[in-house]
Amino acid sequence: MVIHRKISIIEERMPPEKDVEELLEWLLKSLGVVSKRDSSEIPAKILKEIMIINKDKGFFTLDDLTSRTKASRTTTYHHINKMIKCGILARTSRGYSLRAHTLEETIDEIEYEIHRLLKRIRKVAEIVDREFGR
């Protein structure tokens, strides 16, 4: 199975480390999950609930999130899919989960994936440079 990810890294000013919800908003903005036209409150609230549910049972369903966040199914599904595309979440046989056991491990996996992809891009750049005598 081929997995297509859209990983964006956006430089945002980091908020004070004390407010978890602001940190979640920053993380989602930095990974391109939240665009300038989106409200960052709902995706951050969804990710916060995912962290709580994931800790308790290791997976969650769309119904789990809609009942806990009071966001519509459509909105919740939209944000779940954006988090899947950037690599934060994964689909499982029982629903969805964080890609790894913790958010930090999830970011480590995304970082590894970015490095692996950049190595392949660099090899192509080397071939192109050689072709042009550089």
N, C-alpha and C. Protein backbone atom coordinates (compact mmCIF):
# COMPACT_ATOMS: atom_id res chain seq x y z
N MET A 1 0.83 -1.17 0.00
CA MET A 1 0.00 0.00 0.00
C MET A 1 0.89 1.25 0.00
N VAL A 2 0.59 2.17 -0.89
CA VAL A 2 1.33 3.41 -0.98
C VAL A 2 0.63 4.46 -0.12
N ILE A 3 1.40 5.11 0.72
CA ILE A 3 0.85 6.16 1.58
C ILE A 3 1.33 7.50 1.05
N HIS A 4 0.39 8.36 0.77
CA HIS A 4 0.74 9.71 0.32
C HIS A 4 0.55 10.66 1.49
N ARG A 5 1.60 11.38 1.80
CA ARG A 5 1.53 12.36 2.88
C ARG A 5 1.84 13.72 2.32
N LYS A 6 1.22 14.69 2.91
CA LYS A 6 1.56 16.07 2.60
C LYS A 6 2.09 16.66 3.90
N ILE A 7 3.40 16.73 3.98
CA ILE A 7 4.03 17.24 5.20
C ILE A 7 4.54 18.65 4.91
N SER A 8 3.97 19.59 5.62
CA SER A 8 4.40 20.98 5.51
C SER A 8 5.00 21.38 6.85
N ILE A 9 6.05 22.13 6.79
CA ILE A 9 6.64 22.68 8.01
C ILE A 9 6.54 24.19 7.89
N ILE A 10 5.80 24.79 8.78
CA ILE A 10 5.57 26.23 8.74
C ILE A 10 6.15 26.85 10.00
N GLU A 11 6.99 27.84 9.81
CA GLU A 11 7.60 28.49 10.97
C GLU A 11 6.60 29.44 11.61
N GLU A 12 6.26 29.13 12.83
CA GLU A 12 5.33 29.94 13.61
C GLU A 12 6.02 30.32 14.92
N ARG A 13 5.65 31.46 15.44
CA ARG A 13 6.18 31.87 16.74
C ARG A 13 5.60 30.96 17.81
N MET A 14 6.48 30.37 18.62
CA MET A 14 6.04 29.42 19.64
C MET A 14 5.41 30.14 20.82
N PRO A 15 4.27 29.64 21.29
CA PRO A 15 3.61 30.28 22.45
C PRO A 15 4.31 29.90 23.75
N PRO A 16 3.92 30.56 24.85
CA PRO A 16 4.47 30.15 26.15
C PRO A 16 4.16 28.67 26.40
N GLU A 17 5.08 27.98 27.02
CA GLU A 17 4.95 26.53 27.18
C GLU A 17 3.91 26.10 28.21
N LYS A 18 3.27 27.02 28.89
CA LYS A 18 2.37 26.64 29.97
C LYS A 18 0.97 26.27 29.50
N ASP A 19 0.52 26.78 28.39
CA ASP A 19 -0.84 26.54 27.93
C ASP A 19 -0.86 25.42 26.89
N VAL A 20 -1.34 24.25 27.30
CA VAL A 20 -1.32 23.07 26.43
C VAL A 20 -2.15 23.30 25.17
N GLU A 21 -3.30 23.94 25.29
CA GLU A 21 -4.14 24.15 24.11
C GLU A 21 -3.45 25.06 23.09
N GLU A 22 -2.75 26.09 23.56
CA GLU A 22 -1.99 26.95 22.65
C GLU A 22 -0.85 26.17 22.00
N LEU A 23 -0.21 25.30 22.76
CA LEU A 23 0.87 24.47 22.21
C LEU A 23 0.34 23.51 21.14
N LEU A 24 -0.85 22.94 21.38
CA LEU A 24 -1.45 22.06 20.37
C LEU A 24 -1.81 22.85 19.11
N GLU A 25 -2.36 24.06 19.29
CA GLU A 25 -2.66 24.92 18.13
C GLU A 25 -1.38 25.21 17.36
N TRP A 26 -0.30 25.54 18.07
CA TRP A 26 0.98 25.84 17.42
C TRP A 26 1.50 24.63 16.66
N LEU A 27 1.43 23.46 17.28
CA LEU A 27 1.91 22.24 16.64
C LEU A 27 1.13 21.99 15.34
N LEU A 28 -0.19 22.12 15.39
CA LEU A 28 -1.01 21.88 14.20
C LEU A 28 -0.75 22.92 13.11
N LYS A 29 -0.54 24.16 13.49
CA LYS A 29 -0.19 25.20 12.51
C LYS A 29 1.18 24.91 11.90
N SER A 30 2.12 24.52 12.75
CA SER A 30 3.49 24.26 12.29
C SER A 30 3.57 23.09 11.33
N LEU A 31 2.66 22.13 11.46
CA LEU A 31 2.64 20.97 10.57
C LEU A 31 1.67 21.16 9.40
N GLY A 32 1.12 22.35 9.27
CA GLY A 32 0.26 22.64 8.13
C GLY A 32 -1.12 22.03 8.21
N VAL A 33 -1.52 21.54 9.38
CA VAL A 33 -2.86 20.98 9.54
C VAL A 33 -3.89 22.10 9.53
N VAL A 34 -3.52 23.21 10.13
CA VAL A 34 -4.42 24.37 10.22
C VAL A 34 -3.89 25.44 9.28
N SER A 35 -4.73 25.87 8.37
CA SER A 35 -4.34 26.95 7.46
C SER A 35 -4.79 28.28 8.04
N LYS A 36 -4.37 29.35 7.40
CA LYS A 36 -4.72 30.69 7.89
C LYS A 36 -6.23 30.91 7.91
N ARG A 37 -6.95 30.26 6.99
CA ARG A 37 -8.40 30.47 6.94
C ARG A 37 -9.17 29.61 7.95
N ASP A 38 -8.50 28.59 8.51
CA ASP A 38 -9.13 27.73 9.51
C ASP A 38 -9.04 28.34 10.89
N SER A 39 -10.01 28.00 11.72
CA SER A 39 -9.89 28.29 13.15
C SER A 39 -9.02 27.19 13.73
N SER A 40 -8.08 27.55 14.57
CA SER A 40 -7.20 26.52 15.13
C SER A 40 -7.76 25.93 16.42
N GLU A 41 -8.84 26.51 16.94
CA GLU A 41 -9.41 26.02 18.19
C GLU A 41 -9.99 24.62 18.05
N ILE A 42 -10.77 24.38 17.01
CA ILE A 42 -11.42 23.08 16.87
C ILE A 42 -10.41 21.96 16.64
N PRO A 43 -9.46 22.10 15.70
CA PRO A 43 -8.48 21.02 15.55
C PRO A 43 -7.66 20.78 16.82
N ALA A 44 -7.32 21.84 17.54
CA ALA A 44 -6.56 21.68 18.79
C ALA A 44 -7.41 20.96 19.84
N LYS A 45 -8.69 21.29 19.89
CA LYS A 45 -9.60 20.61 20.82
C LYS A 45 -9.72 19.13 20.44
N ILE A 46 -9.80 18.86 19.15
CA ILE A 46 -9.87 17.47 18.67
C ILE A 46 -8.60 16.72 19.05
N LEU A 47 -7.43 17.32 18.81
CA LEU A 47 -6.17 16.66 19.15
C LEU A 47 -6.05 16.44 20.65
N LYS A 48 -6.50 17.39 21.44
CA LYS A 48 -6.46 17.25 22.90
C LYS A 48 -7.30 16.04 23.32
N GLU A 49 -8.50 15.92 22.77
CA GLU A 49 -9.37 14.78 23.10
C GLU A 49 -8.75 13.47 22.61
N ILE A 50 -8.10 13.51 21.44
CA ILE A 50 -7.42 12.32 20.93
C ILE A 50 -6.35 11.87 21.93
N MET A 51 -5.60 12.83 22.46
CA MET A 51 -4.54 12.50 23.43
C MET A 51 -5.14 11.82 24.67
N ILE A 52 -6.28 12.33 25.14
CA ILE A 52 -6.94 11.77 26.32
C ILE A 52 -7.48 10.37 26.02
N ILE A 53 -8.22 10.24 24.93
CA ILE A 53 -8.81 8.95 24.57
C ILE A 53 -7.72 7.93 24.25
N ASN A 54 -6.72 8.35 23.49
CA ASN A 54 -5.63 7.45 23.10
C ASN A 54 -4.92 6.88 24.32
N LYS A 55 -4.74 7.71 25.33
CA LYS A 55 -4.09 7.27 26.57
C LYS A 55 -4.93 6.20 27.26
N ASP A 56 -6.24 6.38 27.25
CA ASP A 56 -7.12 5.45 27.95
C ASP A 56 -7.31 4.13 27.22
N LYS A 57 -7.57 4.19 25.90
CA LYS A 57 -7.88 2.95 25.21
C LYS A 57 -7.06 2.68 23.95
N GLY A 58 -6.17 3.58 23.56
CA GLY A 58 -5.27 3.32 22.45
C GLY A 58 -5.81 3.59 21.07
N PHE A 59 -7.09 3.87 20.96
CA PHE A 59 -7.71 4.20 19.68
C PHE A 59 -8.96 5.02 19.96
N PHE A 60 -9.51 5.59 18.92
CA PHE A 60 -10.75 6.35 19.07
C PHE A 60 -11.55 6.22 17.79
N THR A 61 -12.83 6.54 17.90
CA THR A 61 -13.71 6.53 16.74
C THR A 61 -14.18 7.95 16.46
N LEU A 62 -14.75 8.14 15.30
CA LEU A 62 -15.31 9.44 14.95
C LEU A 62 -16.39 9.82 15.96
N ASP A 63 -17.21 8.86 16.35
CA ASP A 63 -18.27 9.13 17.34
C ASP A 63 -17.70 9.55 18.69
N ASP A 64 -16.58 8.92 19.11
CA ASP A 64 -15.92 9.33 20.36
C ASP A 64 -15.61 10.82 20.33
N LEU A 65 -15.02 11.25 19.22
CA LEU A 65 -14.59 12.65 19.14
C LEU A 65 -15.75 13.61 19.00
N THR A 66 -16.73 13.28 18.18
CA THR A 66 -17.84 14.23 18.01
C THR A 66 -18.61 14.40 19.30
N SER A 67 -18.76 13.35 20.09
CA SER A 67 -19.48 13.48 21.35
C SER A 67 -18.68 14.28 22.37
N ARG A 68 -17.37 14.16 22.34
CA ARG A 68 -16.53 14.86 23.32
C ARG A 68 -16.25 16.30 22.95
N THR A 69 -16.14 16.59 21.65
CA THR A 69 -15.78 17.96 21.23
C THR A 69 -17.00 18.80 20.89
N LYS A 70 -18.13 18.16 20.65
CA LYS A 70 -19.37 18.84 20.23
C LYS A 70 -19.23 19.48 18.85
N ALA A 71 -18.19 19.10 18.11
CA ALA A 71 -18.03 19.56 16.72
C ALA A 71 -18.85 18.63 15.84
N SER A 72 -19.23 19.10 14.67
CA SER A 72 -20.01 18.26 13.76
C SER A 72 -19.17 17.09 13.26
N ARG A 73 -19.84 16.04 12.81
CA ARG A 73 -19.14 14.88 12.25
C ARG A 73 -18.29 15.30 11.05
N THR A 74 -18.86 16.17 10.21
CA THR A 74 -18.15 16.62 9.01
C THR A 74 -16.87 17.36 9.38
N THR A 75 -16.96 18.28 10.32
CA THR A 75 -15.79 19.05 10.75
C THR A 75 -14.75 18.13 11.39
N THR A 76 -15.21 17.24 12.26
CA THR A 76 -14.30 16.33 12.94
C THR A 76 -13.61 15.42 11.93
N TYR A 77 -14.37 14.87 11.00
CA TYR A 77 -13.81 13.98 9.97
C TYR A 77 -12.79 14.73 9.11
N HIS A 78 -13.11 15.97 8.76
CA HIS A 78 -12.21 16.80 7.96
C HIS A 78 -10.85 16.95 8.67
N HIS A 79 -10.88 17.27 9.95
CA HIS A 79 -9.63 17.50 10.69
C HIS A 79 -8.89 16.19 10.96
N ILE A 80 -9.61 15.11 11.18
CA ILE A 80 -8.95 13.81 11.33
C ILE A 80 -8.19 13.48 10.05
N ASN A 81 -8.84 13.66 8.91
CA ASN A 81 -8.18 13.37 7.62
C ASN A 81 -6.96 14.24 7.39
N LYS A 82 -7.02 15.51 7.78
CA LYS A 82 -5.84 16.37 7.63
C LYS A 82 -4.70 15.88 8.52
N MET A 83 -5.04 15.40 9.73
CA MET A 83 -4.00 14.89 10.63
C MET A 83 -3.44 13.57 10.13
N ILE A 84 -4.25 12.77 9.45
CA ILE A 84 -3.75 11.53 8.84
C ILE A 84 -2.79 11.87 7.71
N LYS A 85 -3.19 12.82 6.86
CA LYS A 85 -2.36 13.17 5.70
C LYS A 85 -0.99 13.70 6.11
N CYS A 86 -0.92 14.42 7.23
CA CYS A 86 0.39 14.95 7.63
C CYS A 86 1.15 13.97 8.52
N GLY A 87 0.53 12.85 8.88
CA GLY A 87 1.26 11.82 9.61
C GLY A 87 1.06 11.78 11.11
N ILE A 88 0.18 12.60 11.66
CA ILE A 88 -0.04 12.60 13.11
C ILE A 88 -0.89 11.39 13.52
N LEU A 89 -1.91 11.10 12.73
CA LEU A 89 -2.84 10.02 13.05
C LEU A 89 -2.72 8.88 12.04
N ALA A 90 -3.24 7.73 12.44
CA ALA A 90 -3.29 6.56 11.56
C ALA A 90 -4.67 5.91 11.70
N ARG A 91 -5.14 5.33 10.60
CA ARG A 91 -6.36 4.53 10.65
C ARG A 91 -6.01 3.15 11.20
N THR A 92 -6.89 2.62 12.01
CA THR A 92 -6.70 1.27 12.53
C THR A 92 -7.96 0.47 12.24
N SER A 93 -7.93 -0.81 12.54
CA SER A 93 -9.11 -1.65 12.30
C SER A 93 -10.26 -1.26 13.22
N ARG A 94 -9.96 -0.60 14.34
CA ARG A 94 -11.00 -0.20 15.30
C ARG A 94 -11.36 1.27 15.24
N GLY A 95 -10.69 2.03 14.40
CA GLY A 95 -10.96 3.46 14.31
C GLY A 95 -9.71 4.21 13.91
N TYR A 96 -9.23 5.07 14.79
CA TYR A 96 -8.05 5.89 14.54
C TYR A 96 -7.19 5.88 15.80
N SER A 97 -5.91 6.24 15.62
CA SER A 97 -5.02 6.38 16.77
C SER A 97 -3.91 7.35 16.40
N LEU A 98 -3.16 7.76 17.41
CA LEU A 98 -1.93 8.48 17.12
C LEU A 98 -1.06 7.54 16.31
N ARG A 99 -0.22 8.07 15.48
CA ARG A 99 0.65 7.25 14.64
C ARG A 99 1.58 6.40 15.50
N ALA A 100 2.04 6.91 16.62
CA ALA A 100 2.91 6.19 17.55
C ALA A 100 2.26 6.26 18.94
N HIS A 101 2.93 5.69 19.91
CA HIS A 101 2.39 5.62 21.26
C HIS A 101 2.17 7.00 21.89
N THR A 102 3.11 7.91 21.66
CA THR A 102 3.02 9.26 22.21
C THR A 102 3.11 10.29 21.09
N LEU A 103 2.77 11.52 21.39
CA LEU A 103 2.90 12.58 20.41
C LEU A 103 4.36 12.83 20.06
N GLU A 104 5.24 12.75 21.05
CA GLU A 104 6.66 12.93 20.79
C GLU A 104 7.20 11.85 19.85
N GLU A 105 6.81 10.59 20.09
CA GLU A 105 7.24 9.51 19.20
C GLU A 105 6.65 9.69 17.79
N THR A 106 5.45 10.21 17.72
CA THR A 106 4.82 10.50 16.43
C THR A 106 5.64 11.52 15.66
N ILE A 107 6.06 12.59 16.33
CA ILE A 107 6.88 13.61 15.69
C ILE A 107 8.23 13.02 15.29
N ASP A 108 8.79 12.15 16.11
CA ASP A 108 10.04 11.46 15.74
C ASP A 108 9.87 10.69 14.44
N GLU A 109 8.75 9.98 14.28
CA GLU A 109 8.51 9.21 13.06
C GLU A 109 8.34 10.13 11.84
N ILE A 110 7.66 11.26 12.04
CA ILE A 110 7.51 12.23 10.95
C ILE A 110 8.88 12.78 10.56
N GLU A 111 9.70 13.09 11.56
CA GLU A 111 11.05 13.60 11.29
C GLU A 111 11.87 12.58 10.50
N TYR A 112 11.81 11.32 10.88
CA TYR A 112 12.52 10.26 10.18
C TYR A 112 12.04 10.18 8.72
N GLU A 113 10.73 10.25 8.54
CA GLU A 113 10.15 10.19 7.19
C GLU A 113 10.63 11.36 6.33
N ILE A 114 10.69 12.55 6.92
CA ILE A 114 11.17 13.73 6.20
C ILE A 114 12.63 13.54 5.80
N HIS A 115 13.46 13.08 6.72
CA HIS A 115 14.89 12.86 6.42
C HIS A 115 15.06 11.84 5.30
N ARG A 116 14.31 10.75 5.35
CA ARG A 116 14.39 9.73 4.32
C ARG A 116 14.00 10.29 2.95
N LEU A 117 12.93 11.07 2.92
CA LEU A 117 12.48 11.68 1.67
C LEU A 117 13.51 12.69 1.15
N LEU A 118 14.07 13.49 2.02
CA LEU A 118 15.07 14.47 1.60
C LEU A 118 16.33 13.80 1.04
N LYS A 119 16.70 12.64 1.57
CA LYS A 119 17.84 11.91 1.01
C LYS A 119 17.56 11.50 -0.44
N ARG A 120 16.35 11.04 -0.70
CA ARG A 120 15.99 10.66 -2.07
C ARG A 120 15.97 11.88 -2.98
N ILE A 121 15.46 12.99 -2.48
CA ILE A 121 15.42 14.22 -3.27
C ILE A 121 16.85 14.69 -3.56
N ARG A 122 17.74 14.59 -2.57
CA ARG A 122 19.14 14.98 -2.75
C ARG A 122 19.81 14.13 -3.82
N LYS A 123 19.55 12.82 -3.84
CA LYS A 123 20.14 11.94 -4.86
C LYS A 123 19.69 12.36 -6.25
N VAL A 124 18.44 12.71 -6.41
CA VAL A 124 17.94 13.18 -7.71
C VAL A 124 18.63 14.48 -8.08
N ALA A 125 18.79 15.38 -7.11
CA ALA A 125 19.48 16.66 -7.38
C ALA A 125 20.92 16.42 -7.83
N GLU A 126 21.60 15.45 -7.22
CA GLU A 126 22.97 15.11 -7.61
C GLU A 126 23.01 14.62 -9.06
N ILE A 127 22.07 13.77 -9.43
CA ILE A 127 22.01 13.26 -10.81
C ILE A 127 21.78 14.39 -11.78
N VAL A 128 20.87 15.29 -11.45
CA VAL A 128 20.58 16.42 -12.33
C VAL A 128 21.80 17.32 -12.43
N ASP A 129 22.45 17.61 -11.31
CA ASP A 129 23.66 18.44 -11.33
C ASP A 129 24.74 17.82 -12.22
N ARG A 130 24.97 16.51 -12.10
CA ARG A 130 25.96 15.84 -12.93
C ARG A 130 25.60 15.94 -14.40
N GLU A 131 24.33 15.80 -14.70
CA GLU A 131 23.86 15.90 -16.09
C GLU A 131 24.19 17.26 -16.69
N PHE A 132 24.16 18.29 -15.85
CA PHE A 132 24.47 19.64 -16.32
C PHE A 132 25.90 20.04 -16.04
N GLY A 133 26.74 19.07 -15.69
CA GLY A 133 28.17 19.33 -15.51
C GLY A 133 28.50 20.14 -14.31
N ARG A 134 27.81 19.98 -13.27
CA ARG A 134 28.09 20.76 -12.05
C ARG A 134 28.57 19.87 -10.93
